[in-house]
């Protein structure tokens, strides 16, 4: 039976819009995720940030495995040996996925807010309105400072909406901070 004889089923109706209506930002659905179109380009953190995360994972693994080894050897606590092995295996798995996790971190400056994303399996998207930003802080750890990186932290009116963009180049972090302060001041004036 030819396809032209089949009735059209499940075709969504076009929404009725007036001629004067502003176009909405397009949201295009792909197979498993939503992509924002026509809103700008996602900016990623520096690739050097992978080194910061890897060193942090290794330091944590050494401290926990060292403590577990001391408990096992000095106090004959067998459970500590198993804890050390589990932490070692989880740290190795974490090291394997670390580059991909860092590539998943990004931000997007939109007209009214900053959109932040992170995560591979459990993705987190946070939109921070410019008018709600109360404090924008730049922090640098010792390894990040050595690599020329900084973290940009936002504090908003809602305590749960605090966002931190890690692994930005120092110059980019300062430029972004100044731009966000300017946007926040202009949006707050209208409140």
C-alpha atoms as a PDB file:
ATOM      1  CA  UNK A   1       0.000   0.000   0.000  1.00  0.00           C
ATOM      2  CA  UNK A   2       1.588   3.357  -0.960  1.00  0.00           C
ATOM      3  CA  UNK A   3       2.381   5.901   1.748  1.00  0.00           C
ATOM      4  CA  UNK A   4       0.202   8.602   0.209  1.00  0.00           C
ATOM      5  CA  UNK A   5      -2.954   6.641   1.078  1.00  0.00           C
ATOM      6  CA  UNK A   6      -2.194   6.672   4.808  1.00  0.00           C
ATOM      7  CA  UNK A   7      -3.785   9.452   6.859  1.00  0.00           C
ATOM      8  CA  UNK A   8      -1.486  11.821   8.740  1.00  0.00           C
ATOM      9  CA  UNK A   9      -1.532  10.917  12.419  1.00  0.00           C
ATOM     10  CA  UNK A  10       0.088  12.627  15.404  1.00  0.00           C
ATOM     11  CA  UNK A  11       1.078  15.709  13.467  1.00  0.00           C
ATOM     12  CA  UNK A  12       1.342  18.607  15.910  1.00  0.00           C
ATOM     13  CA  UNK A  13      -0.696  21.649  15.080  1.00  0.00           C
ATOM     14  CA  UNK A  14       1.153  24.892  14.434  1.00  0.00           C
ATOM     15  CA  UNK A  15       0.603  27.404  17.235  1.00  0.00           C
ATOM     16  CA  UNK A  16      -1.317  30.499  16.254  1.00  0.00           C
ATOM     17  CA  UNK A  17       0.778  33.629  16.747  1.00  0.00           C
ATOM     18  CA  UNK A  18      -0.021  37.202  16.020  1.00  0.00           C
ATOM     19  CA  UNK A  19       2.161  39.123  13.618  1.00  0.00           C
ATOM     20  CA  UNK A  20       3.326  41.460  16.407  1.00  0.00           C
ATOM     21  CA  UNK A  21       4.413  38.646  18.769  1.00  0.00           C
ATOM     22  CA  UNK A  22       8.095  38.350  19.548  1.00  0.00           C
ATOM     23  CA  UNK A  23       9.713  35.132  18.372  1.00  0.00           C
ATOM     24  CA  UNK A  24      10.394  32.684  21.181  1.00  0.00           C
ATOM     25  CA  UNK A  25      13.853  31.143  21.521  1.00  0.00           C
ATOM     26  CA  UNK A  26      13.819  27.908  19.609  1.00  0.00           C
ATOM     27  CA  UNK A  27      14.127  24.695  21.543  1.00  0.00           C
ATOM     28  CA  UNK A  28      15.059  21.815  19.285  1.00  0.00           C
ATOM     29  CA  UNK A  29      14.523  18.288  20.590  1.00  0.00           C
ATOM     30  CA  UNK A  30      17.073  15.710  19.530  1.00  0.00           C
ATOM     31  CA  UNK A  31      17.009  12.007  20.320  1.00  0.00           C
ATOM     32  CA  UNK A  32      17.917  12.213  24.003  1.00  0.00           C
ATOM     33  CA  UNK A  33      18.505  15.844  24.896  1.00  0.00           C
ATOM     34  CA  UNK A  34      17.281  19.357  24.369  1.00  0.00           C
ATOM     35  CA  UNK A  35      19.493  21.862  22.665  1.00  0.00           C
ATOM     36  CA  UNK A  36      19.026  25.581  22.831  1.00  0.00           C
ATOM     37  CA  UNK A  37      19.185  27.247  19.439  1.00  0.00           C
ATOM     38  CA  UNK A  38      19.632  30.917  18.606  1.00  0.00           C
ATOM     39  CA  UNK A  39      20.705  31.939  22.116  1.00  0.00           C
ATOM     40  CA  UNK A  40      24.484  32.097  21.741  1.00  0.00           C
ATOM     41  CA  UNK A  41      27.360  29.727  22.021  1.00  0.00           C
ATOM     42  CA  UNK A  42      28.265  27.631  25.052  1.00  0.00           C
ATOM     43  CA  UNK A  43      31.652  28.523  26.496  1.00  0.00           C
ATOM     44  CA  UNK A  44      33.715  25.786  28.086  1.00  0.00           C
ATOM     45  CA  UNK A  45      36.223  25.925  30.879  1.00  0.00           C
ATOM     46  CA  UNK A  46      39.956  25.710  30.220  1.00  0.00           C
ATOM     47  CA  UNK A  47      41.338  22.265  29.288  1.00  0.00           C
ATOM     48  CA  UNK A  48      44.007  22.824  31.971  1.00  0.00           C
ATOM     49  CA  UNK A  49      41.276  22.368  34.570  1.00  0.00           C
ATOM     50  CA  UNK A  50      41.467  18.601  33.973  1.00  0.00           C
ATOM     51  CA  UNK A  51      44.875  18.620  35.694  1.00  0.00           C
ATOM     52  CA  UNK A  52      43.415  20.379  38.753  1.00  0.00           C
ATOM     53  CA  UNK A  53      40.660  17.749  39.051  1.00  0.00           C
ATOM     54  CA  UNK A  54      43.066  14.831  38.512  1.00  0.00           C
ATOM     55  CA  UNK A  55      45.484  16.095  41.176  1.00  0.00           C
ATOM     56  CA  UNK A  56      42.578  16.605  43.613  1.00  0.00           C
ATOM     57  CA  UNK A  57      41.313  13.068  43.002  1.00  0.00           C
ATOM     58  CA  UNK A  58      44.790  11.580  43.481  1.00  0.00           C
ATOM     59  CA  UNK A  59      45.414  13.547  46.705  1.00  0.00           C
ATOM     60  CA  UNK A  60      42.056  12.445  48.158  1.00  0.00           C
ATOM     61  CA  UNK A  61      42.714   8.818  47.201  1.00  0.00           C
ATOM     62  CA  UNK A  62      46.196   8.869  48.759  1.00  0.00           C
ATOM     63  CA  UNK A  63      44.915  10.364  52.028  1.00  0.00           C
ATOM     64  CA  UNK A  64      41.974   7.959  52.399  1.00  0.00           C
ATOM     65  CA  UNK A  65      43.926   4.877  51.272  1.00  0.00           C
ATOM     66  CA  UNK A  66      46.856   5.857  53.516  1.00  0.00           C
ATOM     67  CA  UNK A  67      44.558   6.211  56.531  1.00  0.00           C
ATOM     68  CA  UNK A  68      42.863   2.902  55.718  1.00  0.00           C
ATOM     69  CA  UNK A  69      46.264   1.209  55.359  1.00  0.00           C
ATOM     70  CA  UNK A  70      47.396   2.521  58.734  1.00  0.00           C
ATOM     71  CA  UNK A  71      44.218   1.247  60.398  1.00  0.00           C
ATOM     72  CA  UNK A  72      44.653  -2.123  58.727  1.00  0.00           C
ATOM     73  CA  UNK A  73      48.371  -2.551  59.489  1.00  0.00           C
ATOM     74  CA  UNK A  74      48.637  -0.967  62.944  1.00  0.00           C
ATOM     75  CA  UNK A  75      45.263  -1.824  64.483  1.00  0.00           C
ATOM     76  CA  UNK A  76      44.541  -5.002  62.502  1.00  0.00           C
ATOM     77  CA  UNK A  77      41.206  -3.657  61.230  1.00  0.00           C
ATOM     78  CA  UNK A  78      40.369  -5.814  58.204  1.00  0.00           C
ATOM     79  CA  UNK A  79      37.414  -3.647  57.193  1.00  0.00           C
ATOM     80  CA  UNK A  80      39.838  -0.733  56.635  1.00  0.00           C
ATOM     81  CA  UNK A  81      41.643  -2.742  53.956  1.00  0.00           C
ATOM     82  CA  UNK A  82      38.361  -3.182  52.070  1.00  0.00           C
ATOM     83  CA  UNK A  83      37.521   0.493  52.420  1.00  0.00           C
ATOM     84  CA  UNK A  84      40.942   1.364  50.980  1.00  0.00           C
ATOM     85  CA  UNK A  85      40.446  -0.994  48.033  1.00  0.00           C
ATOM     86  CA  UNK A  86      36.983   0.412  47.277  1.00  0.00           C
ATOM     87  CA  UNK A  87      38.264   4.005  47.437  1.00  0.00           C
ATOM     88  CA  UNK A  88      41.190   3.099  45.166  1.00  0.00           C
ATOM     89  CA  UNK A  89      38.907   1.482  42.555  1.00  0.00           C
ATOM     90  CA  UNK A  90      36.444   4.402  42.659  1.00  0.00           C
ATOM     91  CA  UNK A  91      39.306   6.888  42.312  1.00  0.00           C
ATOM     92  CA  UNK A  92      40.642   5.074  39.230  1.00  0.00           C
ATOM     93  CA  UNK A  93      37.167   5.109  37.667  1.00  0.00           C
ATOM     94  CA  UNK A  94      36.862   8.805  38.530  1.00  0.00           C
ATOM     95  CA  UNK A  95      40.223   9.503  36.851  1.00  0.00           C
ATOM     96  CA  UNK A  96      39.036   7.801  33.673  1.00  0.00           C
ATOM     97  CA  UNK A  97      35.909   9.970  33.439  1.00  0.00           C
ATOM     98  CA  UNK A  98      37.526  13.213  34.624  1.00  0.00           C
ATOM     99  CA  UNK A  99      38.354  14.664  31.165  1.00  0.00           C
ATOM    100  CA  UNK A 100      34.795  14.089  29.945  1.00  0.00           C
ATOM    101  CA  UNK A 101      33.309  15.636  33.095  1.00  0.00           C
ATOM    102  CA  UNK A 102      35.419  18.760  32.645  1.00  0.00           C
ATOM    103  CA  UNK A 103      34.365  19.049  28.989  1.00  0.00           C
ATOM    104  CA  UNK A 104      30.723  18.955  30.125  1.00  0.00           C
ATOM    105  CA  UNK A 105      31.135  22.121  32.218  1.00  0.00           C
ATOM    106  CA  UNK A 106      30.019  25.241  30.403  1.00  0.00           C
ATOM    107  CA  UNK A 107      28.167  28.521  30.612  1.00  0.00           C
ATOM    108  CA  UNK A 108      26.079  30.658  28.306  1.00  0.00           C
ATOM    109  CA  UNK A 109      25.360  34.376  28.598  1.00  0.00           C
ATOM    110  CA  UNK A 110      21.785  35.059  27.547  1.00  0.00           C
ATOM    111  CA  UNK A 111      19.770  38.263  27.405  1.00  0.00           C
ATOM    112  CA  UNK A 112      18.391  38.077  30.966  1.00  0.00           C
ATOM    113  CA  UNK A 113      20.449  35.406  32.714  1.00  0.00           C
ATOM    114  CA  UNK A 114      23.537  33.242  32.816  1.00  0.00           C
ATOM    115  CA  UNK A 115      22.945  29.553  32.113  1.00  0.00           C
ATOM    116  CA  UNK A 116      25.403  27.101  33.700  1.00  0.00           C
ATOM    117  CA  UNK A 117      25.681  23.370  33.015  1.00  0.00           C
ATOM    118  CA  UNK A 118      27.704  20.478  34.359  1.00  0.00           C
ATOM    119  CA  UNK A 119      27.537  16.707  34.615  1.00  0.00           C
ATOM    120  CA  UNK A 120      27.498  13.709  32.310  1.00  0.00           C
ATOM    121  CA  UNK A 121      25.049  11.194  33.735  1.00  0.00           C
ATOM    122  CA  UNK A 122      23.319  13.543  36.170  1.00  0.00           C
ATOM    123  CA  UNK A 123      23.233  16.853  34.335  1.00  0.00           C
ATOM    124  CA  UNK A 124      22.591  20.120  36.122  1.00  0.00           C
ATOM    125  CA  UNK A 125      21.418  23.278  34.385  1.00  0.00           C
ATOM    126  CA  UNK A 126      21.130  26.456  36.455  1.00  0.00           C
ATOM    127  CA  UNK A 127      19.860  29.795  35.159  1.00  0.00           C
ATOM    128  CA  UNK A 128      20.998  32.744  37.274  1.00  0.00           C
ATOM    129  CA  UNK A 129      19.113  35.987  36.498  1.00  0.00           C
ATOM    130  CA  UNK A 130      21.452  38.970  36.336  1.00  0.00           C
ATOM    131  CA  UNK A 131      19.197  41.036  38.610  1.00  0.00           C
ATOM    132  CA  UNK A 132      19.391  38.410  41.388  1.00  0.00           C
ATOM    133  CA  UNK A 133      23.210  38.294  41.573  1.00  0.00           C
ATOM    134  CA  UNK A 134      24.363  39.752  44.887  1.00  0.00           C
ATOM    135  CA  UNK A 135      28.031  38.785  44.968  1.00  0.00           C
ATOM    136  CA  UNK A 136      30.442  37.647  42.263  1.00  0.00           C
ATOM    137  CA  UNK A 137      33.695  36.281  43.655  1.00  0.00           C
ATOM    138  CA  UNK A 138      36.900  35.000  42.057  1.00  0.00           C
ATOM    139  CA  UNK A 139      38.813  32.308  43.942  1.00  0.00           C
ATOM    140  CA  UNK A 140      42.109  30.620  43.100  1.00  0.00           C
ATOM    141  CA  UNK A 141      43.577  27.524  44.666  1.00  0.00           C
ATOM    142  CA  UNK A 142      47.345  26.942  44.663  1.00  0.00           C
ATOM    143  CA  UNK A 143      47.401  24.549  41.688  1.00  0.00           C
ATOM    144  CA  UNK A 144      44.842  26.585  39.739  1.00  0.00           C
ATOM    145  CA  UNK A 145      46.841  29.764  40.413  1.00  0.00           C
ATOM    146  CA  UNK A 146      49.996  28.030  39.141  1.00  0.00           C
ATOM    147  CA  UNK A 147      48.119  27.058  35.947  1.00  0.00           C
ATOM    148  CA  UNK A 148      46.626  30.552  35.564  1.00  0.00           C
ATOM    149  CA  UNK A 149      43.046  29.444  36.351  1.00  0.00           C
ATOM    150  CA  UNK A 150      40.347  30.831  38.600  1.00  0.00           C
ATOM    151  CA  UNK A 151      36.838  29.929  39.805  1.00  0.00           C
ATOM    152  CA  UNK A 152      33.996  32.412  39.454  1.00  0.00           C
ATOM    153  CA  UNK A 153      31.381  32.093  42.218  1.00  0.00           C
ATOM    154  CA  UNK A 154      27.950  33.727  42.309  1.00  0.00           C
ATOM    155  CA  UNK A 155      25.819  34.302  45.358  1.00  0.00           C
ATOM    156  CA  UNK A 156      22.156  35.024  44.691  1.00  0.00           C
ATOM    157  CA  UNK A 157      19.132  35.915  46.789  1.00  0.00           C
ATOM    158  CA  UNK A 158      18.256  32.213  47.055  1.00  0.00           C
ATOM    159  CA  UNK A 159      20.864  30.346  49.081  1.00  0.00           C
ATOM    160  CA  UNK A 160      20.387  27.156  47.053  1.00  0.00           C
ATOM    161  CA  UNK A 161      21.099  28.866  43.739  1.00  0.00           C
ATOM    162  CA  UNK A 162      24.795  29.498  44.344  1.00  0.00           C
ATOM    163  CA  UNK A 163      26.792  28.685  41.225  1.00  0.00           C
ATOM    164  CA  UNK A 164      30.503  28.256  40.692  1.00  0.00           C
ATOM    165  CA  UNK A 165      32.151  28.174  37.273  1.00  0.00           C
ATOM    166  CA  UNK A 166      35.516  26.477  37.788  1.00  0.00           C
ATOM    167  CA  UNK A 167      38.583  26.441  35.557  1.00  0.00           C
ATOM    168  CA  UNK A 168      38.337  29.808  33.810  1.00  0.00           C
ATOM    169  CA  UNK A 169      41.491  31.558  32.644  1.00  0.00           C
ATOM    170  CA  UNK A 170      42.267  34.386  35.103  1.00  0.00           C
ATOM    171  CA  UNK A 171      41.808  37.117  32.485  1.00  0.00           C
ATOM    172  CA  UNK A 172      38.518  35.584  31.295  1.00  0.00           C
ATOM    173  CA  UNK A 173      37.263  35.310  34.883  1.00  0.00           C
ATOM    174  CA  UNK A 174      38.007  38.973  35.567  1.00  0.00           C
ATOM    175  CA  UNK A 175      36.371  40.126  32.318  1.00  0.00           C
ATOM    176  CA  UNK A 176      33.321  37.939  32.979  1.00  0.00           C
ATOM    177  CA  UNK A 177      33.089  39.188  36.576  1.00  0.00           C
ATOM    178  CA  UNK A 178      33.167  42.833  35.463  1.00  0.00           C
ATOM    179  CA  UNK A 179      30.564  42.177  32.752  1.00  0.00           C
ATOM    180  CA  UNK A 180      28.253  40.341  35.176  1.00  0.00           C
ATOM    181  CA  UNK A 181      28.571  43.083  37.805  1.00  0.00           C
ATOM    182  CA  UNK A 182      27.628  45.634  35.150  1.00  0.00           C
ATOM    183  CA  UNK A 183      24.641  43.540  34.027  1.00  0.00           C
ATOM    184  CA  UNK A 184      23.548  42.884  37.612  1.00  0.00           C
ATOM    185  CA  UNK A 185      23.642  46.590  38.484  1.00  0.00           C
ATOM    186  CA  UNK A 186      21.615  47.544  35.411  1.00  0.00           C
ATOM    187  CA  UNK A 187      18.997  44.820  36.053  1.00  0.00           C
ATOM    188  CA  UNK A 188      18.753  45.600  39.760  1.00  0.00           C
ATOM    189  CA  UNK A 189      18.051  49.244  39.012  1.00  0.00           C
ATOM    190  CA  UNK A 190      14.815  48.185  37.314  1.00  0.00           C
ATOM    191  CA  UNK A 191      13.575  46.154  40.296  1.00  0.00           C
END
